[in-house]
Amino acid sequence: MTAPPMKPAQHPTALKTQQLLADAGLAARVVEFEQPTRTSAEAAAAIGCTVAEIAKSIVFRAKESDRAVVVVASGDNRVCERKVSQLVGEALGRADADFVRQATGYAIGGVAPFGHAQPVKLLLDTDLQRFERVWAAAGTPFSVFPLTPRDLARLTGVEWSDIRQEG
């Protein structure tokens, strides 16, 4: 089975992500699909890459500060809430769809690793460094863009963290 065709970004939010990438000096092209790429498996199937090469964004709600904690993780990893909690220094709670949209400006399934509506605590999964290229959401559940792990770290200004749940 071949992957469905990608088309250039047209959604205003995906175009905003494209502009943020250009402003950062990255030539990455945001692409869109006809079907959703909300999950790592959907995105990998649409792109034609492995699930592990998807840089998925998981959003938590910090219990004390009420701030969004965005973890950009390898698509094949489960995020260890205990490790993330230790890294951010506070307990974590569940982030519902309204909180995610308010804090990040994006819908669940389309949270980009940058360009958030409010300041967030961002963590990058060290396991993403295994790849030459990863694919991240571009602000909608139908849009993605490729970049190197090095560019991801440079773009976000965040160090790598061990966030993978063991076993």
Protein backbone atom coordinates (compact mmCIF):
# COMPACT_ATOMS: atom_id res chain seq x y z
CA MET A 1 0.00 0.00 0.00
CA THR A 2 1.37 3.42 -0.91
CA ALA A 3 1.04 6.48 1.28
CA PRO A 4 -1.62 8.98 0.20
CA PRO A 5 -0.33 12.12 -1.48
CA MET A 6 0.81 15.08 0.58
CA LYS A 7 -0.25 18.54 -0.51
CA PRO A 8 1.15 21.96 0.42
CA ALA A 9 -0.33 23.50 3.56
CA GLN A 10 -3.49 25.55 3.07
CA HIS A 11 -5.05 25.77 6.54
CA PRO A 12 -4.32 29.16 8.19
CA THR A 13 -2.80 27.52 11.29
CA ALA A 14 -0.54 25.28 9.17
CA LEU A 15 0.49 28.33 7.13
CA LYS A 16 1.34 30.15 10.38
CA THR A 17 3.56 27.21 11.34
CA GLN A 18 5.18 27.37 7.89
CA GLN A 19 5.92 31.07 8.46
CA LEU A 20 7.39 30.39 11.92
CA LEU A 21 9.70 27.78 10.37
CA ALA A 22 10.76 30.23 7.64
CA ASP A 23 11.34 32.98 10.23
CA ALA A 24 13.63 30.56 12.09
CA GLY A 25 15.61 29.94 8.90
CA LEU A 26 14.33 26.41 8.33
CA ALA A 27 13.38 25.30 4.83
CA ALA A 28 11.02 22.59 6.14
CA ARG A 29 7.79 22.39 4.18
CA VAL A 30 4.48 21.94 6.00
CA VAL A 31 2.25 19.42 4.22
CA GLU A 32 -1.36 18.39 4.69
CA PHE A 33 -3.27 15.16 4.21
CA GLU A 34 -6.88 14.40 3.37
CA GLN A 35 -7.21 12.12 6.39
CA PRO A 36 -6.29 13.01 9.99
CA THR A 37 -2.79 12.38 11.36
CA ARG A 38 -3.88 12.75 15.00
CA THR A 39 -2.11 9.63 16.25
CA SER A 40 1.47 8.58 15.67
CA ALA A 41 0.24 5.51 13.76
CA GLU A 42 -2.01 7.61 11.48
CA ALA A 43 0.79 10.09 10.83
CA ALA A 44 3.38 7.39 10.12
CA ALA A 45 1.02 5.63 7.69
CA ALA A 46 0.25 8.89 5.88
CA ILE A 47 3.90 9.94 5.66
CA GLY A 48 5.40 6.53 4.97
CA CYS A 49 7.81 6.50 7.92
CA THR A 50 8.05 4.50 11.15
CA VAL A 51 5.92 5.37 14.17
CA ALA A 52 9.14 6.12 16.08
CA GLU A 53 9.98 8.96 13.64
CA ILE A 54 6.85 10.85 14.63
CA ALA A 55 7.59 13.64 17.14
CA LYS A 56 4.28 13.46 18.99
CA SER A 57 3.22 16.20 21.39
CA ILE A 58 1.67 15.10 24.69
CA VAL A 59 0.20 17.90 26.82
CA PHE A 60 -0.13 17.73 30.60
CA ARG A 61 -1.52 20.31 33.02
CA ALA A 62 0.83 21.24 35.87
CA LYS A 63 -1.27 21.04 39.04
CA GLU A 64 0.31 23.90 41.01
CA SER A 65 1.10 26.47 38.30
CA ASP A 66 -1.78 25.46 35.99
CA ARG A 67 0.71 25.75 33.15
CA ALA A 68 0.81 23.47 30.10
CA VAL A 69 3.65 20.97 29.97
CA VAL A 70 4.28 19.87 26.38
CA VAL A 71 6.36 16.73 25.90
CA VAL A 72 7.59 16.11 22.35
CA ALA A 73 8.22 12.37 22.33
CA SER A 74 9.18 9.68 19.87
CA GLY A 75 5.99 8.11 18.54
CA ASP A 76 6.93 4.65 19.78
CA ASN A 77 7.53 5.79 23.36
CA ARG A 78 5.08 5.97 26.22
CA VAL A 79 5.73 9.07 28.31
CA CYS A 80 6.59 8.44 31.97
CA GLU A 81 4.48 10.90 33.94
CA ARG A 82 6.68 10.44 37.02
CA LYS A 83 9.84 11.44 35.10
CA VAL A 84 8.11 14.45 33.55
CA SER A 85 6.77 15.52 36.95
CA GLN A 86 10.29 15.34 38.42
CA LEU A 87 11.71 17.34 35.50
CA VAL A 88 9.17 20.16 35.83
CA GLY A 89 9.14 20.10 39.64
CA GLU A 90 5.41 19.68 40.17
CA ALA A 91 2.61 17.16 39.96
CA LEU A 92 0.84 16.69 36.66
CA GLY A 93 -2.81 16.40 35.79
CA ARG A 94 -4.80 15.60 32.70
CA ALA A 95 -5.15 18.31 30.06
CA ASP A 96 -8.56 18.33 28.38
CA ALA A 97 -9.17 19.59 24.84
CA ASP A 98 -10.19 23.09 25.97
CA PHE A 99 -7.07 23.48 28.12
CA VAL A 100 -4.83 22.25 25.29
CA ARG A 101 -6.33 24.71 22.81
CA GLN A 102 -6.22 27.63 25.26
CA ALA A 103 -2.62 26.97 26.36
CA THR A 104 -1.08 26.01 23.02
CA GLY A 105 -3.41 27.54 20.45
CA TYR A 106 -3.68 24.14 18.80
CA ALA A 107 -6.22 21.29 18.80
CA ILE A 108 -5.31 17.92 20.30
CA GLY A 109 -3.69 15.85 17.56
CA GLY A 110 -2.13 18.92 15.96
CA VAL A 111 0.02 20.50 18.71
CA ALA A 112 3.21 21.83 17.13
CA PRO A 113 6.42 21.86 19.20
CA PHE A 114 6.60 25.68 19.08
CA GLY A 115 4.47 28.78 18.46
CA HIS A 116 2.27 28.21 21.50
CA ALA A 117 -0.43 30.72 22.50
CA GLN A 118 0.91 30.94 26.08
CA PRO A 119 4.27 30.12 27.67
CA VAL A 120 4.55 26.38 28.21
CA LYS A 121 7.12 24.09 29.80
CA LEU A 122 8.53 22.07 26.91
CA LEU A 123 10.46 18.80 27.11
CA LEU A 124 12.12 16.94 24.22
CA ASP A 125 12.48 13.15 24.27
CA THR A 126 16.15 12.23 23.96
CA ASP A 127 15.14 9.18 21.89
CA LEU A 128 14.23 11.43 18.94
CA GLN A 129 17.97 11.91 18.42
CA ARG A 130 18.12 8.37 16.96
CA PHE A 131 16.84 9.68 13.64
CA GLU A 132 18.14 11.87 10.84
CA ARG A 133 14.66 13.30 10.38
CA VAL A 134 11.47 13.37 12.44
CA TRP A 135 7.95 14.58 11.63
CA ALA A 136 6.03 16.94 13.92
CA ALA A 137 2.46 18.25 13.91
CA ALA A 138 2.10 21.63 12.23
CA GLY A 139 -0.84 23.01 14.18
CA THR A 140 -3.73 20.94 12.81
CA PRO A 141 -4.64 17.24 12.97
CA PHE A 142 -4.04 17.07 9.19
CA SER A 143 -0.66 18.83 8.88
CA VAL A 144 2.95 17.84 9.58
CA PHE A 145 6.48 18.94 8.75
CA PRO A 146 9.90 17.25 8.74
CA LEU A 147 12.97 18.48 10.56
CA THR A 148 16.17 17.15 12.08
CA PRO A 149 16.33 16.55 15.83
CA ARG A 150 19.12 19.14 15.91
CA ASP A 151 16.84 21.73 14.31
CA LEU A 152 14.05 20.77 16.73
CA ALA A 153 16.32 21.49 19.69
CA ARG A 154 17.59 24.74 18.13
CA LEU A 155 14.07 25.90 17.24
CA THR A 156 12.68 25.25 20.72
CA GLY A 157 15.78 26.17 22.73
CA VAL A 158 15.18 23.09 24.90
CA GLU A 159 17.63 20.43 26.07
CA TRP A 160 16.95 16.70 25.63
CA SER A 161 15.35 14.74 28.51
CA ASP A 162 14.76 11.09 29.39
CA ILE A 163 10.97 10.90 29.49
CA ARG A 164 10.41 7.33 28.24
CA GLN A 165 8.42 4.92 30.37
CA GLU A 166 10.48 1.79 30.89
CA GLY A 167 9.14 -1.67 30.17
